[in-house]
Amino acid sequence: MIFKVFYQENPDEVPVREKTKTLYIEAESEREVRRKLQDRAINIEYIQPLEGAHLEYEKQNPDFKVLEI
């Protein structure tokens, strides 16, 4: 399953919507996503599973690249 992760690059700052970034990652569960990203210094705000029409819509985004870990 593909997950869309909303995050802030600086984990020590209060999250600000304008600084929120996204990445896409393949994993079996939200827990696995967190495990795969634990070595990165980021503040994860939200993890959203992508399926069906929503996934197809996201694939149309030119920034859609699934992170390989």
N, C-alpha and C. Protein backbone atom coordinates (compact mmCIF):
# COMPACT_ATOMS: atom_id res chain seq x y z
N MET A 1 0.84 -1.17 0.00
CA MET A 1 0.00 0.00 0.00
C MET A 1 0.89 1.24 0.00
N ILE A 2 0.43 2.28 -0.67
CA ILE A 2 1.15 3.54 -0.72
C ILE A 2 0.56 4.48 0.33
N PHE A 3 1.45 5.17 1.06
CA PHE A 3 1.04 6.14 2.07
C PHE A 3 1.61 7.50 1.70
N LYS A 4 0.83 8.54 1.98
CA LYS A 4 1.28 9.91 1.81
C LYS A 4 1.58 10.45 3.20
N VAL A 5 2.82 10.91 3.39
CA VAL A 5 3.26 11.38 4.71
C VAL A 5 3.41 12.90 4.66
N PHE A 6 2.71 13.56 5.57
CA PHE A 6 2.84 15.01 5.73
C PHE A 6 3.82 15.24 6.87
N TYR A 7 4.83 16.08 6.64
CA TYR A 7 5.86 16.25 7.67
C TYR A 7 6.46 17.65 7.64
N GLN A 8 7.15 17.97 8.72
CA GLN A 8 7.94 19.20 8.83
C GLN A 8 9.41 18.78 8.87
N GLU A 9 10.26 19.53 8.21
CA GLU A 9 11.68 19.18 8.16
C GLU A 9 12.39 19.39 9.49
N ASN A 10 11.94 20.34 10.30
CA ASN A 10 12.60 20.62 11.57
C ASN A 10 11.73 20.11 12.71
N PRO A 11 12.13 19.03 13.37
CA PRO A 11 11.29 18.45 14.44
C PRO A 11 11.24 19.30 15.71
N ASP A 12 12.12 20.31 15.82
CA ASP A 12 12.16 21.14 17.02
C ASP A 12 11.26 22.36 16.95
N GLU A 13 10.67 22.63 15.78
CA GLU A 13 9.81 23.79 15.62
C GLU A 13 8.34 23.37 15.66
N VAL A 14 7.51 24.33 16.01
CA VAL A 14 6.06 24.11 15.99
C VAL A 14 5.64 23.97 14.52
N PRO A 15 4.80 22.98 14.18
CA PRO A 15 4.36 22.82 12.79
C PRO A 15 3.63 24.05 12.27
N VAL A 16 3.99 24.46 11.07
CA VAL A 16 3.35 25.56 10.37
C VAL A 16 2.89 25.03 9.02
N ARG A 17 1.62 25.22 8.71
CA ARG A 17 1.05 24.63 7.50
C ARG A 17 1.84 24.98 6.24
N GLU A 18 2.33 26.20 6.15
CA GLU A 18 3.06 26.63 4.95
C GLU A 18 4.39 25.90 4.79
N LYS A 19 4.90 25.31 5.83
CA LYS A 19 6.18 24.58 5.77
C LYS A 19 5.99 23.07 5.65
N THR A 20 4.74 22.62 5.60
CA THR A 20 4.47 21.19 5.50
C THR A 20 4.89 20.66 4.14
N LYS A 21 5.59 19.55 4.16
CA LYS A 21 6.03 18.87 2.94
C LYS A 21 5.40 17.48 2.92
N THR A 22 5.47 16.83 1.77
CA THR A 22 4.91 15.48 1.65
C THR A 22 5.91 14.55 0.99
N LEU A 23 5.74 13.28 1.30
CA LEU A 23 6.48 12.24 0.60
C LEU A 23 5.56 11.03 0.51
N TYR A 24 5.88 10.17 -0.42
CA TYR A 24 5.11 8.95 -0.63
C TYR A 24 6.01 7.76 -0.31
N ILE A 25 5.43 6.77 0.36
CA ILE A 25 6.22 5.61 0.75
C ILE A 25 5.34 4.37 0.69
N GLU A 26 5.94 3.25 0.31
CA GLU A 26 5.21 1.99 0.26
C GLU A 26 5.50 1.21 1.53
N ALA A 27 4.42 0.73 2.16
CA ALA A 27 4.54 -0.04 3.39
C ALA A 27 3.25 -0.83 3.61
N GLU A 28 3.30 -1.75 4.56
CA GLU A 28 2.14 -2.56 4.89
C GLU A 28 1.19 -1.86 5.86
N SER A 29 1.73 -0.97 6.70
CA SER A 29 0.91 -0.32 7.72
C SER A 29 1.52 1.04 8.09
N GLU A 30 0.75 1.83 8.83
CA GLU A 30 1.24 3.11 9.32
C GLU A 30 2.43 2.91 10.25
N ARG A 31 2.38 1.87 11.04
CA ARG A 31 3.49 1.56 11.95
C ARG A 31 4.78 1.30 11.17
N GLU A 32 4.67 0.59 10.06
CA GLU A 32 5.86 0.31 9.24
C GLU A 32 6.40 1.60 8.61
N VAL A 33 5.51 2.50 8.23
CA VAL A 33 5.93 3.79 7.69
C VAL A 33 6.77 4.52 8.74
N ARG A 34 6.26 4.59 9.96
CA ARG A 34 7.00 5.27 11.05
C ARG A 34 8.35 4.59 11.30
N ARG A 35 8.38 3.27 11.25
CA ARG A 35 9.63 2.55 11.46
C ARG A 35 10.64 2.87 10.36
N LYS A 36 10.17 2.92 9.11
CA LYS A 36 11.07 3.21 7.99
C LYS A 36 11.62 4.64 8.05
N LEU A 37 10.86 5.56 8.64
CA LEU A 37 11.27 6.96 8.68
C LEU A 37 11.90 7.38 10.01
N GLN A 38 12.06 6.46 10.94
CA GLN A 38 12.53 6.82 12.28
C GLN A 38 13.95 7.39 12.30
N ASP A 39 14.78 7.05 11.35
CA ASP A 39 16.14 7.56 11.34
C ASP A 39 16.28 8.95 10.72
N ARG A 40 15.20 9.48 10.20
CA ARG A 40 15.21 10.82 9.62
C ARG A 40 14.79 11.84 10.67
N ALA A 41 15.39 12.99 10.63
CA ALA A 41 15.07 14.05 11.59
C ALA A 41 13.91 14.89 11.05
N ILE A 42 12.71 14.30 11.07
CA ILE A 42 11.52 15.00 10.62
C ILE A 42 10.42 14.86 11.66
N ASN A 43 9.45 15.76 11.60
CA ASN A 43 8.29 15.71 12.47
C ASN A 43 7.10 15.27 11.63
N ILE A 44 6.66 14.03 11.78
CA ILE A 44 5.55 13.51 11.01
C ILE A 44 4.25 14.07 11.59
N GLU A 45 3.48 14.73 10.73
CA GLU A 45 2.21 15.30 11.14
C GLU A 45 1.06 14.32 10.94
N TYR A 46 1.05 13.68 9.77
CA TYR A 46 -0.08 12.83 9.41
C TYR A 46 0.36 11.82 8.37
N ILE A 47 -0.18 10.61 8.47
CA ILE A 47 0.09 9.57 7.48
C ILE A 47 -1.25 9.15 6.89
N GLN A 48 -1.38 9.30 5.58
CA GLN A 48 -2.64 9.04 4.90
C GLN A 48 -2.49 7.87 3.93
N PRO A 49 -3.28 6.80 4.10
CA PRO A 49 -3.24 5.71 3.12
C PRO A 49 -3.89 6.15 1.81
N LEU A 50 -3.31 5.74 0.69
CA LEU A 50 -3.84 6.08 -0.62
C LEU A 50 -4.32 4.82 -1.32
N GLU A 51 -5.57 4.85 -1.77
CA GLU A 51 -6.15 3.70 -2.47
C GLU A 51 -7.07 4.19 -3.58
N GLY A 52 -7.29 3.33 -4.54
CA GLY A 52 -8.28 3.56 -5.58
C GLY A 52 -8.12 4.87 -6.32
N ALA A 53 -9.23 5.61 -6.44
CA ALA A 53 -9.26 6.86 -7.20
C ALA A 53 -8.33 7.91 -6.59
N HIS A 54 -8.22 7.91 -5.27
CA HIS A 54 -7.34 8.88 -4.62
C HIS A 54 -5.88 8.63 -5.02
N LEU A 55 -5.47 7.37 -5.04
CA LEU A 55 -4.11 7.03 -5.46
C LEU A 55 -3.88 7.41 -6.92
N GLU A 56 -4.85 7.14 -7.77
CA GLU A 56 -4.73 7.50 -9.19
C GLU A 56 -4.60 9.01 -9.37
N TYR A 57 -5.34 9.76 -8.57
CA TYR A 57 -5.25 11.22 -8.62
C TYR A 57 -3.85 11.68 -8.21
N GLU A 58 -3.33 11.12 -7.12
CA GLU A 58 -2.00 11.51 -6.64
C GLU A 58 -0.92 11.17 -7.66
N LYS A 59 -1.09 10.08 -8.41
CA LYS A 59 -0.11 9.68 -9.42
C LYS A 59 0.01 10.70 -10.55
N GLN A 60 -1.01 11.53 -10.73
CA GLN A 60 -0.99 12.56 -11.77
C GLN A 60 -0.11 13.75 -11.36
N ASN A 61 0.21 13.85 -10.08
CA ASN A 61 1.05 14.93 -9.57
C ASN A 61 2.49 14.73 -10.07
N PRO A 62 3.10 15.74 -10.66
CA PRO A 62 4.48 15.57 -11.15
C PRO A 62 5.49 15.26 -10.05
N ASP A 63 5.16 15.57 -8.79
CA ASP A 63 6.06 15.29 -7.67
C ASP A 63 5.84 13.90 -7.07
N PHE A 64 4.98 13.09 -7.68
CA PHE A 64 4.69 11.76 -7.16
C PHE A 64 5.87 10.84 -7.43
N LYS A 65 6.62 10.54 -6.37
CA LYS A 65 7.73 9.58 -6.43
C LYS A 65 7.69 8.80 -5.14
N VAL A 66 7.59 7.49 -5.26
CA VAL A 66 7.55 6.65 -4.07
C VAL A 66 8.97 6.46 -3.54
N LEU A 67 9.14 6.82 -2.27
CA LEU A 67 10.43 6.72 -1.60
C LEU A 67 10.83 5.26 -1.43
N GLU A 68 12.03 4.92 -1.83
CA GLU A 68 12.54 3.55 -1.69
C GLU A 68 13.42 3.46 -0.44
N ILE A 69 12.98 2.69 0.54
CA ILE A 69 13.78 2.49 1.75
C ILE A 69 13.95 1.00 1.96
